[in-house]
Protein backbone atom coordinates (compact mmCIF):
# COMPACT_ATOMS: atom_id res chain seq x y z
CA UNK A 1 270.54 44.64 184.90
CA UNK A 2 267.74 46.28 182.92
CA UNK A 3 268.11 49.90 181.98
CA UNK A 4 265.30 52.30 181.51
CA UNK A 5 266.47 52.85 177.52
CA UNK A 6 266.49 49.27 177.41
CA UNK A 7 262.89 48.83 178.83
CA UNK A 8 261.51 51.90 176.48
CA UNK A 9 263.07 49.81 173.65
CA UNK A 10 261.38 46.82 174.38
CA UNK A 11 257.86 48.62 174.84
CA UNK A 12 258.35 50.42 171.65
CA UNK A 13 259.07 47.53 169.87
CA UNK A 14 256.15 45.49 171.11
CA UNK A 15 253.95 48.47 170.49
CA UNK A 16 255.29 48.73 166.75
CA UNK A 17 254.52 44.75 166.24
CA UNK A 18 251.13 44.74 167.62
CA UNK A 19 250.34 47.78 165.61
CA UNK A 20 251.21 46.05 162.35
CA UNK A 21 249.02 43.14 163.47
CA UNK A 22 245.93 45.40 164.33
CA UNK A 23 246.02 47.45 161.18
CA UNK A 24 247.34 45.22 158.43
CA UNK A 25 250.76 47.07 158.03
CA UNK A 26 253.75 45.20 156.65
CA UNK A 27 256.11 43.23 159.13
CA UNK A 28 259.95 43.44 158.26
CA UNK A 29 260.70 39.52 157.97
CA UNK A 30 264.13 37.89 158.27
CA UNK A 31 264.68 36.14 154.65
CA UNK A 32 265.90 32.51 154.71
CA UNK A 33 268.21 32.88 152.13
CA UNK A 34 269.44 35.91 150.47
CA UNK A 35 271.04 36.10 146.74
CA UNK A 36 273.03 38.86 145.13
CA UNK A 37 272.33 39.45 141.27
CA UNK A 38 275.14 40.99 139.60
CA UNK A 39 274.02 42.51 136.42
CA UNK A 40 274.37 45.00 133.44
CA UNK A 41 273.59 48.22 134.39
CA UNK A 42 270.39 49.03 131.86
CA UNK A 43 268.36 46.03 133.25
CA UNK A 44 267.75 47.85 136.47
CA UNK A 45 263.87 47.86 135.61
CA UNK A 46 263.49 44.62 134.35
CA UNK A 47 264.95 43.08 137.86
CA UNK A 48 263.08 45.68 139.87
CA UNK A 49 260.20 43.23 138.77
CA UNK A 50 261.78 40.03 138.15
CA UNK A 51 262.82 39.91 141.66
CA UNK A 52 259.58 40.00 143.73
CA UNK A 53 257.75 37.98 141.01
CA UNK A 54 260.41 35.11 141.85
CA UNK A 55 260.34 35.57 145.07
CA UNK A 56 256.61 35.16 145.73
CA UNK A 57 256.90 31.96 142.99
CA UNK A 58 259.76 30.12 144.56
CA UNK A 59 258.03 31.07 148.20
CA UNK A 60 254.70 29.34 146.95
CA UNK A 61 256.41 26.41 145.44
CA UNK A 62 259.18 25.73 148.46
CA UNK A 63 257.97 27.32 151.74
CA UNK A 64 261.15 29.45 151.74
CA UNK A 65 261.55 32.83 152.38
CA UNK A 66 264.16 34.58 149.93
CA UNK A 67 265.35 38.08 149.24
CA UNK A 68 267.13 39.17 146.02
CA UNK A 69 269.72 41.80 146.09
CA UNK A 70 270.78 43.59 143.10
CA UNK A 71 273.99 45.07 142.04
CA UNK A 72 274.37 46.92 138.66
CA UNK A 73 277.20 48.48 136.65
CA UNK A 74 278.95 48.55 133.24
CA UNK A 75 278.76 44.60 132.62
CA UNK A 76 283.03 44.15 132.31
CA UNK A 77 282.77 46.14 135.43
CA UNK A 78 280.71 43.97 137.30
CA UNK A 79 282.49 40.99 136.23
CA UNK A 80 285.83 42.53 137.29
CA UNK A 81 283.97 43.11 140.71
CA UNK A 82 282.90 39.56 141.00
CA UNK A 83 286.33 38.19 140.10
CA UNK A 84 288.17 40.45 142.89
CA UNK A 85 285.75 39.01 145.57
CA UNK A 86 281.92 40.12 145.14
CA UNK A 87 279.71 37.77 146.73
CA UNK A 88 277.27 37.39 143.81
CA UNK A 89 275.57 34.09 143.41
CA UNK A 90 274.13 34.98 139.78
CA UNK A 91 275.58 36.80 137.05
CA UNK A 92 273.31 38.34 134.45
CA UNK A 93 275.89 40.16 131.68
CA UNK A 94 275.20 41.64 128.49
CA UNK A 95 278.04 39.48 126.71
CA UNK A 96 279.56 35.70 127.27
CA UNK A 97 283.28 37.57 127.18
CA UNK A 98 282.42 38.89 130.63
CA UNK A 99 281.70 35.27 131.95
CA UNK A 100 284.28 33.72 130.27
CA UNK A 101 286.57 36.29 132.79
CA UNK A 102 285.24 34.69 135.82
CA UNK A 103 285.76 31.14 134.27
CA UNK A 104 289.47 32.39 134.12
CA UNK A 105 289.32 33.26 137.69
CA UNK A 106 287.94 30.10 138.74
CA UNK A 107 284.62 31.53 140.05
CA UNK A 108 282.24 30.28 137.33
CA UNK A 109 282.29 26.77 135.76
CA UNK A 110 283.80 26.36 131.76
CA UNK A 111 280.69 24.83 130.99
CA UNK A 112 278.76 27.32 131.99
CA UNK A 113 276.95 28.02 128.75
CA UNK A 114 275.53 24.76 128.19
CA UNK A 115 273.87 24.59 131.72
CA UNK A 116 270.89 26.72 130.31
CA UNK A 117 269.19 27.19 127.38
CA UNK A 118 270.21 29.00 124.32
CA UNK A 119 273.55 29.62 125.29
CA UNK A 120 272.47 30.45 128.75
CA UNK A 121 270.82 33.53 127.40
CA UNK A 122 267.54 34.14 128.36
CA UNK A 123 266.96 36.99 126.34
CA UNK A 124 268.62 39.26 124.29
CA UNK A 125 268.81 42.92 122.20
CA UNK A 126 269.91 45.02 119.47
CA UNK A 127 271.37 48.13 119.30
CA UNK A 128 269.63 50.68 117.82
CA UNK A 129 269.61 54.89 117.57
CA UNK A 130 267.84 57.11 120.03
CA UNK A 131 267.70 61.13 118.44
CA UNK A 132 266.28 64.33 119.16
CA UNK A 133 262.86 64.84 118.03
CA UNK A 134 262.42 65.56 114.45
CA UNK A 135 266.02 63.77 113.75
CA UNK A 136 267.78 67.12 112.87
CA UNK A 137 270.74 65.35 111.59
CA UNK A 138 268.89 62.68 109.30
CA UNK A 139 270.57 59.80 111.15
CA UNK A 140 269.64 56.63 109.36
CA UNK A 141 272.38 53.82 109.52
CA UNK A 142 275.95 53.39 110.77
CA UNK A 143 277.51 55.44 108.13
CA UNK A 144 275.59 58.81 109.35
CA UNK A 145 277.37 58.35 112.80
CA UNK A 146 280.58 59.38 111.32
CA UNK A 147 279.51 62.16 109.54
CA UNK A 148 281.36 65.68 110.26
CA UNK A 149 279.03 67.58 113.15
CA UNK A 150 277.29 64.65 114.21
CA UNK A 151 277.75 63.90 118.22
CA UNK A 152 277.64 60.22 119.20
CA UNK A 153 277.05 59.12 122.52
CA UNK A 154 278.42 55.69 123.52
CA UNK A 155 279.99 54.58 126.51
CA UNK A 156 283.45 53.23 126.91
CA UNK A 157 283.89 49.95 125.05
CA UNK A 158 286.62 49.16 127.57
CA UNK A 159 284.28 49.11 130.30
CA UNK A 160 281.02 48.65 128.99
CA UNK A 161 279.44 45.75 127.18
CA UNK A 162 276.90 48.41 125.40
CA UNK A 163 280.14 50.34 124.11
CA UNK A 164 281.38 46.77 122.72
CA UNK A 165 278.29 45.78 121.20
CA UNK A 166 278.05 49.26 119.49
CA UNK A 167 281.70 49.41 118.02
CA UNK A 168 281.20 45.59 116.73
CA UNK A 169 278.07 46.54 115.49
CA UNK A 170 279.35 49.16 113.33
CA UNK A 171 282.27 47.52 112.16
CA UNK A 172 280.27 44.10 111.18
CA UNK A 173 277.96 46.31 109.36
CA UNK A 174 280.47 47.08 106.92
CA UNK A 175 281.49 43.49 106.59
CA UNK A 176 277.78 42.39 105.97
CA UNK A 177 277.43 44.74 103.40
CA UNK A 178 280.49 43.66 101.30
CA UNK A 179 283.15 45.99 102.80
CA UNK A 180 286.56 45.28 103.97
CA UNK A 181 288.54 45.44 107.12
CA UNK A 182 290.07 49.01 106.31
CA UNK A 183 286.68 50.63 105.44
CA UNK A 184 285.31 48.97 108.86
CA UNK A 185 288.20 50.67 110.51
CA UNK A 186 288.22 53.67 109.01
CA UNK A 187 284.13 54.19 109.61
CA UNK A 188 284.64 52.97 113.61
CA UNK A 189 287.41 55.39 113.99
CA UNK A 190 285.24 58.46 112.51
CA UNK A 191 282.45 57.44 114.44
CA UNK A 192 284.38 57.79 118.03
CA UNK A 193 286.10 60.82 116.84
CA UNK A 194 282.61 61.97 117.21
CA UNK A 195 282.12 60.60 120.30
CA UNK A 196 282.19 63.79 123.04
CA UNK A 197 281.79 62.06 126.19
CA UNK A 198 283.15 58.66 126.76
CA UNK A 199 280.99 57.07 129.99
CA UNK A 200 281.92 54.10 131.67
CA UNK A 201 278.53 52.80 131.29
CA UNK A 202 274.94 52.24 129.38
CA UNK A 203 273.32 54.22 131.88
CA UNK A 204 275.46 57.02 132.49
CA UNK A 205 275.47 57.31 128.63
CA UNK A 206 272.04 57.55 128.38
CA UNK A 207 272.14 60.10 131.51
CA UNK A 208 274.57 61.80 129.25
CA UNK A 209 272.37 62.12 126.26
CA UNK A 210 268.84 62.83 128.21
CA UNK A 211 269.55 64.75 131.00
CA UNK A 212 272.90 66.53 130.11
CA UNK A 213 271.38 67.12 126.53
CA UNK A 214 275.16 66.54 125.10
CA UNK A 215 274.77 64.89 121.93
CA UNK A 216 272.82 64.00 118.80
CA UNK A 217 272.34 60.55 118.86
CA UNK A 218 272.79 57.89 121.39
CA UNK A 219 273.55 54.27 120.37
CA UNK A 220 272.12 51.62 122.97
CA UNK A 221 270.09 48.44 123.58
CA UNK A 222 266.64 48.50 122.12
CA UNK A 223 265.23 48.05 125.59
CA UNK A 224 266.78 51.08 127.02
CA UNK A 225 265.49 53.38 124.58
CA UNK A 226 262.06 52.26 125.08
CA UNK A 227 262.47 53.22 128.42
CA UNK A 228 263.67 56.53 127.70
CA UNK A 229 261.01 57.27 125.51
CA UNK A 230 258.54 55.97 128.33
CA UNK A 231 260.22 58.71 130.98
CA UNK A 232 260.89 61.34 128.37
CA UNK A 233 257.74 61.05 126.09
CA UNK A 234 257.90 62.00 122.69
CA UNK A 235 261.03 64.40 123.02
CA UNK A 236 262.86 61.45 121.08
CA UNK A 237 262.83 59.31 118.17
CA UNK A 238 263.87 55.87 117.89
CA UNK A 239 265.89 54.80 114.59
CA UNK A 240 266.82 51.36 113.77
CA UNK A 241 269.71 50.88 111.07
CA UNK A 242 269.79 48.72 108.19
CA UNK A 243 271.71 45.77 109.90
CA UNK A 244 272.60 45.17 113.42
CA UNK A 245 273.94 42.63 116.16
CA UNK A 246 272.26 40.42 118.01
CA UNK A 247 272.98 41.09 121.79
CA UNK A 248 272.58 38.00 123.88
CA UNK A 249 272.08 38.32 127.44
CA UNK A 250 274.05 35.54 129.05
CA UNK A 251 273.48 34.19 132.59
CA UNK A 252 275.52 32.01 134.67
CA UNK A 253 275.34 30.49 138.75
CA UNK A 254 278.60 31.79 140.46
CA UNK A 255 279.97 28.61 141.67
CA UNK A 256 282.39 29.42 144.10
CA UNK A 257 280.03 31.50 145.97
CA UNK A 258 276.85 28.97 145.82
CA UNK A 259 278.73 26.48 146.77
CA UNK A 260 280.58 27.96 149.75
CA UNK A 261 277.20 29.31 150.93
CA UNK A 262 275.08 26.24 150.20
CA UNK A 263 272.74 28.40 147.78
CA UNK A 264 273.32 26.41 144.57
CA UNK A 265 269.31 24.96 144.28
CA UNK A 266 268.19 28.75 144.91
CA UNK A 267 270.56 30.12 142.50
CA UNK A 268 269.83 27.83 140.03
CA UNK A 269 265.87 28.10 140.54
CA UNK A 270 266.32 31.77 139.93
CA UNK A 271 267.60 31.28 136.66
CA UNK A 272 265.20 29.02 135.59
CA UNK A 273 262.76 31.82 136.77
CA UNK A 274 264.06 33.73 133.90
CA UNK A 275 263.27 30.87 131.36
CA UNK A 276 259.51 30.37 132.73
CA UNK A 277 256.64 31.79 130.83
CA UNK A 278 256.18 34.25 133.62
CA UNK A 279 259.65 35.21 133.81
CA UNK A 280 259.86 35.52 129.66
CA UNK A 281 256.64 37.52 130.01
CA UNK A 282 258.00 40.10 131.96
CA UNK A 283 261.35 40.35 129.84
CA UNK A 284 258.99 41.21 126.54
CA UNK A 285 257.16 43.63 128.84
CA UNK A 286 260.88 45.35 129.66
CA UNK A 287 261.49 45.61 125.74
CA UNK A 288 264.33 42.92 125.96
CA UNK A 289 263.66 40.01 123.14
CA UNK A 290 262.50 36.65 124.89
CA UNK A 291 263.19 33.38 123.59
CA UNK A 292 259.50 32.25 124.42
CA UNK A 293 257.52 32.22 121.04
CA UNK A 294 254.28 33.00 122.92
CA UNK A 295 255.76 36.26 125.04
CA UNK A 296 257.31 37.21 122.13
CA UNK A 297 253.84 37.38 119.83
CA UNK A 298 252.07 38.83 122.87
CA UNK A 299 254.62 42.08 123.08
CA UNK A 300 255.78 42.00 119.27
CA UNK A 301 254.59 45.46 118.90
CA UNK A 302 257.92 46.34 121.30
CA UNK A 303 260.03 44.48 118.48
CA UNK A 304 260.73 45.89 115.07
CA UNK A 305 262.16 43.79 112.36
CA UNK A 306 265.61 44.20 111.69
CA UNK A 307 268.66 42.07 110.11
CA UNK A 308 270.92 40.64 112.86
CA UNK A 309 274.31 39.21 112.37
CA UNK A 310 275.95 37.54 115.35
CA UNK A 311 279.38 37.85 117.14
CA UNK A 312 280.40 34.32 115.67
CA UNK A 313 279.24 35.65 112.48
CA UNK A 314 281.50 38.24 111.84
CA UNK A 315 284.26 37.95 114.41
CA UNK A 316 284.69 34.16 115.01
CA UNK A 317 283.45 34.81 118.94
CA UNK A 318 284.12 36.83 121.62
CA UNK A 319 287.27 35.36 122.70
CA UNK A 320 288.47 36.09 118.96
CA UNK A 321 286.83 39.87 118.91
CA UNK A 322 288.31 40.81 122.58
CA UNK A 323 291.80 39.95 121.66
CA UNK A 324 291.45 41.52 118.24
CA UNK A 325 289.58 44.65 119.27
CA UNK A 326 289.20 45.41 122.85
CA UNK A 327 292.71 44.07 124.70
CA UNK A 328 295.18 46.64 125.68
CA UNK A 329 296.87 47.94 122.80
CA UNK A 330 294.13 46.20 120.02
CA UNK A 331 292.05 48.05 117.69
CA UNK A 332 290.03 50.27 119.77
CA UNK A 333 293.22 51.56 121.64
CA UNK A 334 294.51 52.13 118.07
CA UNK A 335 291.63 53.74 116.71
CA UNK A 336 290.83 56.24 120.07
CA UNK A 337 294.38 57.11 121.03
CA UNK A 338 294.88 58.23 117.04
């Protein structure tokens, strides 16, 4: 039996559809396929541009309508969410260690890093400093972050790849300049003693520094400081240390999810788009360092020259670094609790 209310709904739906056709209004569509990308939190703006570019390219080449949804958070927190059942088709993290966690949980293939070029890292970044205009504390290098009276904003290395890279960059800088483990430990201890707020992720740390106006210096990814300067104008200066860490952003298809939902072709296409010239140009435009020489040259004004070392160079890889520095009871816990 048809009610008056249901009749009205049918009439209203017909009217709205006709109006959309007549006046060129966008109509809602049901996507043939939906992917979820679980990403670390300072890539929000990047994927706002990447995702529609990919869906347009996929529609043009395959005829399939596809939507890409996003989830953002601290890299390690995102990895745990996927391990605990988040239905992500793809993960885009800021450290290989977080994807290895998914390997251990049986949701990502053990050879994930060999499935795409450059160790499955289509772009990379490094850690730099954002300071108040004029750099009143005269912060120039890692040692300055450990000086008395300097308030340093860094997210928690236990929950954030951003914080982990900062910790390792400071430690590694001491070693690369000829220092020893005791000197590195001493500097990192002094730096974290100067941290007034330990946010869970990189975007939270940026908010603490820029909007809550806490701290003298924010240590974060190169692309994040450029985003801040775009939003806030000349309120801040960017300082590059003499040496920093190469921060790769690895990606992986979540095998357990894509195989169950028959999404492998689309998820693989999404990752491959990140390596395409169109994808690489979008990446470079957002101040993330692309693998494409063409895109790097076009946007080279976004990237200053800095001496970089890798996790492998100083720490023997992510697994070794995790065990020594970030596992429960390891170096960071000893330093921070002290």
